[in-house]
Amino acid sequence: MRTPEEIFAERLATQTDVADVRAAEPGAFVLVDSRSRQAWEQGHIPSAVHLPTADIPSRAAELLDRRLPVVTYCWGPGCNGATRAALAFARLGYEVREMLGGVEYWIREGFPLRTADGDVTLPPDPLVAPTGEACGC
């Protein structure tokens, strides 16, 4: 049986959150949006690469540098698309993490979303984003 320490260390090794993705150095990883074309066109994280989960086995090598870690995302906590995409990358030997909260929490944190009309930034949702004080996470 695994210990709680092992379980939580594993989760931190395979997951990240929107704040950490936003704060990361440019080029530290490739951010992959695994949603449908329609969802991508509706709005996506500006630095992301669009690669739907079903296309990962056939297109990952042509689109991504295998030396860079991959971070996957989908819509939000009610969607396991990012988990499926992370599994597909792991099966191909990529270092990969899943971004918890997906694009929903990216938007709710007040981070920009790229749309056909340009980048859009909504005010942070006070229920999920710190408003004045650090969250202490």
N, C-alpha and C. Protein backbone atom coordinates (compact mmCIF):
# COMPACT_ATOMS: atom_id res chain seq x y z
N MET A 1 0.83 -1.18 0.00
CA MET A 1 0.00 0.00 0.00
C MET A 1 0.89 1.25 0.00
N ARG A 2 0.51 2.24 -0.81
CA ARG A 2 1.29 3.47 -0.89
C ARG A 2 0.95 4.40 0.27
N THR A 3 1.93 5.17 0.68
CA THR A 3 1.73 6.12 1.77
C THR A 3 1.12 7.41 1.22
N PRO A 4 0.50 8.19 2.09
CA PRO A 4 0.00 9.49 1.64
C PRO A 4 1.11 10.35 1.03
N GLU A 5 2.31 10.28 1.60
CA GLU A 5 3.42 11.05 1.06
C GLU A 5 3.70 10.66 -0.39
N GLU A 6 3.71 9.37 -0.68
CA GLU A 6 3.94 8.91 -2.05
C GLU A 6 2.82 9.36 -2.99
N ILE A 7 1.60 9.28 -2.52
CA ILE A 7 0.45 9.67 -3.35
C ILE A 7 0.51 11.15 -3.69
N PHE A 8 0.75 12.00 -2.69
CA PHE A 8 0.78 13.44 -2.94
C PHE A 8 1.99 13.85 -3.76
N ALA A 9 3.12 13.20 -3.55
CA ALA A 9 4.30 13.50 -4.37
C ALA A 9 4.03 13.13 -5.83
N GLU A 10 3.35 12.02 -6.05
CA GLU A 10 2.99 11.62 -7.41
C GLU A 10 2.06 12.63 -8.06
N ARG A 11 1.09 13.10 -7.31
CA ARG A 11 0.16 14.09 -7.86
C ARG A 11 0.90 15.36 -8.26
N LEU A 12 1.82 15.82 -7.42
CA LEU A 12 2.58 17.02 -7.75
C LEU A 12 3.51 16.81 -8.93
N ALA A 13 3.93 15.59 -9.15
CA ALA A 13 4.80 15.27 -10.30
C ALA A 13 4.02 15.17 -11.60
N THR A 14 2.70 14.98 -11.51
CA THR A 14 1.90 14.76 -12.72
C THR A 14 0.83 15.82 -12.95
N GLN A 15 0.71 16.77 -12.02
CA GLN A 15 -0.30 17.82 -12.14
C GLN A 15 0.34 19.18 -11.88
N THR A 16 -0.28 20.20 -12.42
CA THR A 16 0.09 21.58 -12.13
C THR A 16 -1.20 22.39 -12.13
N ASP A 17 -1.12 23.66 -11.78
CA ASP A 17 -2.34 24.47 -11.79
C ASP A 17 -2.15 25.70 -12.66
N VAL A 18 -3.23 26.43 -12.88
CA VAL A 18 -3.19 27.55 -13.81
C VAL A 18 -2.23 28.65 -13.35
N ALA A 19 -2.15 28.90 -12.06
CA ALA A 19 -1.25 29.94 -11.56
C ALA A 19 0.20 29.57 -11.84
N ASP A 20 0.56 28.29 -11.65
CA ASP A 20 1.93 27.86 -11.92
C ASP A 20 2.24 27.90 -13.41
N VAL A 21 1.27 27.54 -14.24
CA VAL A 21 1.47 27.62 -15.69
C VAL A 21 1.68 29.07 -16.10
N ARG A 22 0.87 29.96 -15.59
CA ARG A 22 0.98 31.39 -15.92
C ARG A 22 2.33 31.96 -15.47
N ALA A 23 2.82 31.53 -14.31
CA ALA A 23 4.05 32.07 -13.74
C ALA A 23 5.32 31.44 -14.31
N ALA A 24 5.19 30.37 -15.05
CA ALA A 24 6.37 29.65 -15.55
C ALA A 24 7.15 30.48 -16.56
N GLU A 25 8.43 30.21 -16.62
CA GLU A 25 9.29 30.86 -17.60
C GLU A 25 8.86 30.48 -19.01
N PRO A 26 8.83 31.42 -19.94
CA PRO A 26 8.51 31.06 -21.33
C PRO A 26 9.47 30.00 -21.85
N GLY A 27 8.92 29.01 -22.53
CA GLY A 27 9.73 27.93 -23.09
C GLY A 27 10.05 26.80 -22.13
N ALA A 28 9.53 26.87 -20.90
CA ALA A 28 9.79 25.82 -19.91
C ALA A 28 9.06 24.53 -20.27
N PHE A 29 7.98 24.64 -21.03
CA PHE A 29 7.18 23.50 -21.46
C PHE A 29 6.33 23.92 -22.64
N VAL A 30 5.68 22.94 -23.26
CA VAL A 30 4.71 23.20 -24.31
C VAL A 30 3.32 23.00 -23.71
N LEU A 31 2.48 23.99 -23.83
CA LEU A 31 1.11 23.92 -23.33
C LEU A 31 0.22 23.42 -24.46
N VAL A 32 -0.49 22.31 -24.22
CA VAL A 32 -1.30 21.68 -25.26
C VAL A 32 -2.78 21.72 -24.89
N ASP A 33 -3.56 22.32 -25.77
CA ASP A 33 -5.02 22.35 -25.66
C ASP A 33 -5.53 21.11 -26.38
N SER A 34 -6.14 20.20 -25.65
CA SER A 34 -6.57 18.91 -26.22
C SER A 34 -8.04 18.91 -26.62
N ARG A 35 -8.68 20.07 -26.62
CA ARG A 35 -10.11 20.15 -26.93
C ARG A 35 -10.36 20.11 -28.44
N SER A 36 -11.61 20.13 -28.81
CA SER A 36 -12.01 20.09 -30.22
C SER A 36 -11.62 21.38 -30.94
N ARG A 37 -11.64 21.35 -32.25
CA ARG A 37 -11.36 22.54 -33.06
C ARG A 37 -12.36 23.66 -32.71
N GLN A 38 -13.62 23.31 -32.57
CA GLN A 38 -14.64 24.30 -32.25
C GLN A 38 -14.35 24.98 -30.91
N ALA A 39 -13.99 24.21 -29.90
CA ALA A 39 -13.67 24.78 -28.59
C ALA A 39 -12.43 25.67 -28.68
N TRP A 40 -11.40 25.21 -29.40
CA TRP A 40 -10.17 25.98 -29.61
C TRP A 40 -10.49 27.34 -30.23
N GLU A 41 -11.30 27.32 -31.28
CA GLU A 41 -11.64 28.56 -31.98
C GLU A 41 -12.49 29.49 -31.14
N GLN A 42 -13.26 28.94 -30.23
CA GLN A 42 -14.08 29.76 -29.33
C GLN A 42 -13.18 30.56 -28.39
N GLY A 43 -12.05 30.00 -28.01
CA GLY A 43 -11.10 30.70 -27.15
C GLY A 43 -10.12 29.72 -26.55
N HIS A 44 -8.84 30.13 -26.49
CA HIS A 44 -7.79 29.26 -25.94
C HIS A 44 -6.72 30.11 -25.27
N ILE A 45 -5.87 29.46 -24.52
CA ILE A 45 -4.77 30.14 -23.85
C ILE A 45 -3.77 30.57 -24.92
N PRO A 46 -3.36 31.84 -24.92
CA PRO A 46 -2.55 32.37 -26.01
C PRO A 46 -1.29 31.57 -26.38
N SER A 47 -0.60 31.01 -25.44
CA SER A 47 0.66 30.31 -25.75
C SER A 47 0.46 28.84 -26.14
N ALA A 48 -0.77 28.37 -26.13
CA ALA A 48 -1.05 26.94 -26.33
C ALA A 48 -0.90 26.50 -27.79
N VAL A 49 -0.65 25.20 -27.93
CA VAL A 49 -0.67 24.51 -29.22
C VAL A 49 -1.94 23.68 -29.23
N HIS A 50 -2.65 23.69 -30.35
CA HIS A 50 -3.87 22.88 -30.44
C HIS A 50 -3.54 21.49 -30.95
N LEU A 51 -3.83 20.48 -30.15
CA LEU A 51 -3.60 19.09 -30.53
C LEU A 51 -4.65 18.22 -29.84
N PRO A 52 -5.79 17.98 -30.50
CA PRO A 52 -6.82 17.15 -29.90
C PRO A 52 -6.28 15.77 -29.51
N THR A 53 -6.80 15.23 -28.45
CA THR A 53 -6.31 13.96 -27.91
C THR A 53 -6.22 12.87 -28.97
N ALA A 54 -7.22 12.74 -29.81
CA ALA A 54 -7.22 11.68 -30.82
C ALA A 54 -6.06 11.81 -31.80
N ASP A 55 -5.52 13.02 -31.96
CA ASP A 55 -4.43 13.26 -32.91
C ASP A 55 -3.04 13.15 -32.30
N ILE A 56 -2.95 13.02 -31.00
CA ILE A 56 -1.64 13.00 -30.33
C ILE A 56 -0.74 11.89 -30.86
N PRO A 57 -1.19 10.64 -30.96
CA PRO A 57 -0.27 9.59 -31.44
C PRO A 57 0.29 9.86 -32.84
N SER A 58 -0.49 10.45 -33.71
CA SER A 58 -0.04 10.64 -35.09
C SER A 58 0.64 11.98 -35.34
N ARG A 59 0.42 13.00 -34.48
CA ARG A 59 0.93 14.33 -34.78
C ARG A 59 1.90 14.91 -33.76
N ALA A 60 2.02 14.30 -32.60
CA ALA A 60 2.87 14.87 -31.55
C ALA A 60 4.31 15.07 -32.02
N ALA A 61 4.87 14.08 -32.66
CA ALA A 61 6.27 14.16 -33.07
C ALA A 61 6.52 15.31 -34.04
N GLU A 62 5.56 15.60 -34.91
CA GLU A 62 5.75 16.68 -35.89
C GLU A 62 5.53 18.07 -35.28
N LEU A 63 4.76 18.17 -34.21
CA LEU A 63 4.43 19.47 -33.64
C LEU A 63 5.24 19.85 -32.40
N LEU A 64 5.75 18.86 -31.67
CA LEU A 64 6.37 19.13 -30.38
C LEU A 64 7.81 18.66 -30.32
N ASP A 65 8.62 19.41 -29.59
CA ASP A 65 10.00 19.03 -29.31
C ASP A 65 9.97 18.06 -28.12
N ARG A 66 10.38 16.83 -28.35
CA ARG A 66 10.33 15.79 -27.32
C ARG A 66 11.17 16.15 -26.09
N ARG A 67 12.11 17.07 -26.24
CA ARG A 67 12.96 17.45 -25.10
C ARG A 67 12.24 18.37 -24.11
N LEU A 68 11.14 18.98 -24.55
CA LEU A 68 10.39 19.87 -23.67
C LEU A 68 9.25 19.12 -22.97
N PRO A 69 9.06 19.38 -21.70
CA PRO A 69 7.89 18.81 -21.03
C PRO A 69 6.61 19.35 -21.66
N VAL A 70 5.53 18.61 -21.50
CA VAL A 70 4.22 18.98 -22.03
C VAL A 70 3.27 19.18 -20.85
N VAL A 71 2.42 20.20 -20.96
CA VAL A 71 1.33 20.41 -20.01
C VAL A 71 0.04 20.40 -20.82
N THR A 72 -0.89 19.56 -20.43
CA THR A 72 -2.16 19.44 -21.16
C THR A 72 -3.28 20.15 -20.41
N TYR A 73 -4.24 20.65 -21.18
CA TYR A 73 -5.46 21.18 -20.57
C TYR A 73 -6.65 20.93 -21.48
N CYS A 74 -7.83 20.94 -20.86
CA CYS A 74 -9.09 20.86 -21.59
C CYS A 74 -10.00 21.94 -21.01
N TRP A 75 -11.30 21.67 -20.94
CA TRP A 75 -12.21 22.72 -20.50
C TRP A 75 -12.06 23.05 -19.01
N GLY A 76 -12.29 22.09 -18.13
CA GLY A 76 -12.26 22.40 -16.71
C GLY A 76 -12.32 21.16 -15.84
N PRO A 77 -12.60 21.34 -14.56
CA PRO A 77 -12.59 20.22 -13.63
C PRO A 77 -13.63 19.15 -13.92
N GLY A 78 -14.66 19.49 -14.66
CA GLY A 78 -15.69 18.50 -15.00
C GLY A 78 -15.36 17.72 -16.25
N CYS A 79 -14.16 17.88 -16.77
CA CYS A 79 -13.75 17.25 -18.03
C CYS A 79 -12.46 16.49 -17.79
N ASN A 80 -12.38 15.26 -18.27
CA ASN A 80 -11.13 14.51 -18.11
C ASN A 80 -10.32 14.44 -19.41
N GLY A 81 -10.60 15.34 -20.34
CA GLY A 81 -9.86 15.37 -21.60
C GLY A 81 -8.38 15.62 -21.42
N ALA A 82 -8.00 16.48 -20.48
CA ALA A 82 -6.57 16.73 -20.24
C ALA A 82 -5.90 15.49 -19.68
N THR A 83 -6.62 14.71 -18.88
CA THR A 83 -6.07 13.47 -18.34
C THR A 83 -5.85 12.47 -19.47
N ARG A 84 -6.81 12.36 -20.36
CA ARG A 84 -6.65 11.45 -21.51
C ARG A 84 -5.48 11.88 -22.39
N ALA A 85 -5.36 13.19 -22.61
CA ALA A 85 -4.25 13.70 -23.43
C ALA A 85 -2.92 13.43 -22.74
N ALA A 86 -2.85 13.65 -21.43
CA ALA A 86 -1.61 13.39 -20.69
C ALA A 86 -1.23 11.91 -20.79
N LEU A 87 -2.21 11.03 -20.70
CA LEU A 87 -1.95 9.60 -20.84
C LEU A 87 -1.40 9.29 -22.23
N ALA A 88 -1.98 9.89 -23.26
CA ALA A 88 -1.49 9.66 -24.63
C ALA A 88 -0.04 10.12 -24.77
N PHE A 89 0.30 11.27 -24.20
CA PHE A 89 1.69 11.73 -24.24
C PHE A 89 2.61 10.82 -23.44
N ALA A 90 2.16 10.40 -22.27
CA ALA A 90 2.97 9.50 -21.43
C ALA A 90 3.26 8.20 -22.17
N ARG A 91 2.27 7.67 -22.87
CA ARG A 91 2.47 6.44 -23.64
C ARG A 91 3.49 6.61 -24.74
N LEU A 92 3.67 7.84 -25.21
CA LEU A 92 4.67 8.13 -26.24
C LEU A 92 6.03 8.49 -25.66
N GLY A 93 6.12 8.50 -24.34
CA GLY A 93 7.40 8.77 -23.68
C GLY A 93 7.67 10.22 -23.35
N TYR A 94 6.68 11.10 -23.48
CA TYR A 94 6.87 12.51 -23.14
C TYR A 94 6.79 12.70 -21.63
N GLU A 95 7.53 13.67 -21.12
CA GLU A 95 7.34 14.13 -19.75
C GLU A 95 6.10 15.01 -19.79
N VAL A 96 5.11 14.72 -18.97
CA VAL A 96 3.83 15.40 -19.10
C VAL A 96 3.17 15.65 -17.76
N ARG A 97 2.46 16.77 -17.69
CA ARG A 97 1.62 17.10 -16.53
C ARG A 97 0.26 17.57 -17.04
N GLU A 98 -0.72 17.42 -16.21
CA GLU A 98 -2.07 17.90 -16.49
C GLU A 98 -2.29 19.21 -15.73
N MET A 99 -2.84 20.23 -16.42
CA MET A 99 -3.15 21.49 -15.76
C MET A 99 -4.55 21.39 -15.14
N LEU A 100 -4.59 21.38 -13.83
CA LEU A 100 -5.86 21.30 -13.12
C LEU A 100 -6.69 22.56 -13.34
N GLY A 101 -7.98 22.39 -13.49
CA GLY A 101 -8.88 23.52 -13.66
C GLY A 101 -9.14 23.89 -15.10
N GLY A 102 -8.21 23.53 -15.98
CA GLY A 102 -8.38 23.78 -17.41
C GLY A 102 -8.58 25.25 -17.75
N VAL A 103 -9.07 25.47 -18.96
CA VAL A 103 -9.26 26.84 -19.43
C VAL A 103 -10.33 27.56 -18.60
N GLU A 104 -11.25 26.82 -18.02
CA GLU A 104 -12.26 27.46 -17.16
C GLU A 104 -11.60 28.22 -16.02
N TYR A 105 -10.67 27.59 -15.32
CA TYR A 105 -10.03 28.26 -14.20
C TYR A 105 -8.99 29.27 -14.67
N TRP A 106 -8.44 29.09 -15.85
CA TRP A 106 -7.57 30.10 -16.44
C TRP A 106 -8.36 31.41 -16.57
N ILE A 107 -9.56 31.30 -17.12
CA ILE A 107 -10.43 32.47 -17.29
C ILE A 107 -10.85 33.03 -15.94
N ARG A 108 -11.23 32.15 -15.02
CA ARG A 108 -11.70 32.59 -13.70
C ARG A 108 -10.60 33.28 -12.89
N GLU A 109 -9.33 32.94 -13.17
CA GLU A 109 -8.20 33.61 -12.50
C GLU A 109 -7.94 34.99 -13.08
N GLY A 110 -8.62 35.32 -14.21
CA GLY A 110 -8.43 36.62 -14.84
C GLY A 110 -7.30 36.66 -15.84
N PHE A 111 -6.88 35.49 -16.34
CA PHE A 111 -5.80 35.43 -17.32
C PHE A 111 -6.38 35.55 -18.73
N PRO A 112 -5.60 36.01 -19.70
CA PRO A 112 -6.12 36.27 -21.05
C PRO A 112 -6.49 35.02 -21.82
N LEU A 113 -7.49 35.18 -22.64
CA LEU A 113 -7.97 34.13 -23.53
C LEU A 113 -7.90 34.67 -24.95
N ARG A 114 -7.34 33.91 -25.86
CA ARG A 114 -7.25 34.33 -27.26
C ARG A 114 -8.50 33.90 -28.00
N THR A 115 -9.16 34.86 -28.65
CA THR A 115 -10.35 34.59 -29.44
C THR A 115 -10.13 35.12 -30.85
N ALA A 116 -11.07 34.88 -31.74
CA ALA A 116 -10.98 35.39 -33.11
C ALA A 116 -10.96 36.91 -33.13
N ASP A 117 -11.51 37.55 -32.11
CA ASP A 117 -11.55 39.01 -32.03
C ASP A 117 -10.38 39.60 -31.25
N GLY A 118 -9.42 38.77 -30.86
CA GLY A 118 -8.28 39.23 -30.08
C GLY A 118 -8.30 38.66 -28.68
N ASP A 119 -7.34 39.08 -27.89
CA ASP A 119 -7.25 38.59 -26.51
C ASP A 119 -8.30 39.27 -25.64
N VAL A 120 -8.92 38.47 -24.79
CA VAL A 120 -9.96 38.92 -23.88
C VAL A 120 -9.52 38.56 -22.46
N THR A 121 -9.67 39.49 -21.55
CA THR A 121 -9.38 39.24 -20.14
C THR A 121 -10.57 39.68 -19.31
N LEU A 122 -11.10 38.75 -18.56
CA LEU A 122 -12.22 39.05 -17.67
C LEU A 122 -11.70 39.32 -16.27
N PRO A 123 -12.44 40.04 -15.45
CA PRO A 123 -12.01 40.25 -14.06
C PRO A 123 -11.92 38.90 -13.34
N PRO A 124 -10.95 38.76 -12.44
CA PRO A 124 -10.84 37.51 -11.68
C PRO A 124 -12.10 37.23 -10.87
N ASP A 125 -12.45 35.97 -10.77
CA ASP A 125 -13.57 35.52 -9.96
C ASP A 125 -13.11 35.51 -8.51
N PRO A 126 -13.69 36.33 -7.63
CA PRO A 126 -13.21 36.39 -6.25
C PRO A 126 -13.38 35.08 -5.48
N LEU A 127 -14.16 34.16 -5.99
CA LEU A 127 -14.31 32.87 -5.31
C LEU A 127 -13.13 31.94 -5.57
N VAL A 128 -12.34 32.22 -6.60
CA VAL A 128 -11.22 31.31 -6.92
C VAL A 128 -9.88 32.02 -7.02
N ALA A 129 -9.87 33.33 -7.16
CA ALA A 129 -8.61 34.06 -7.32
C ALA A 129 -8.38 34.98 -6.12
N PRO A 130 -7.14 35.07 -5.69
CA PRO A 130 -6.85 35.99 -4.58
C PRO A 130 -7.22 37.42 -4.96
N THR A 131 -7.75 38.15 -4.03
CA THR A 131 -8.10 39.56 -4.28
C THR A 131 -7.45 40.43 -3.24
N GLY A 132 -6.18 40.72 -3.43
CA GLY A 132 -5.48 41.61 -2.51
C GLY A 132 -4.46 40.91 -1.64
N GLU A 133 -4.80 39.77 -1.09
CA GLU A 133 -3.87 39.02 -0.26
C GLU A 133 -3.44 37.75 -0.98
N ALA A 134 -2.23 37.32 -0.72
CA ALA A 134 -1.77 36.06 -1.31
C ALA A 134 -2.61 34.91 -0.81
N CYS A 135 -2.81 33.91 -1.68
CA CYS A 135 -3.68 32.80 -1.29
C CYS A 135 -3.02 31.87 -0.28
N GLY A 136 -1.70 31.90 -0.16
CA GLY A 136 -1.03 31.02 0.79
C GLY A 136 -0.92 29.59 0.32
N CYS A 137 -1.10 29.38 -0.97
CA CYS A 137 -1.06 28.02 -1.52
C CYS A 137 0.34 27.46 -1.54
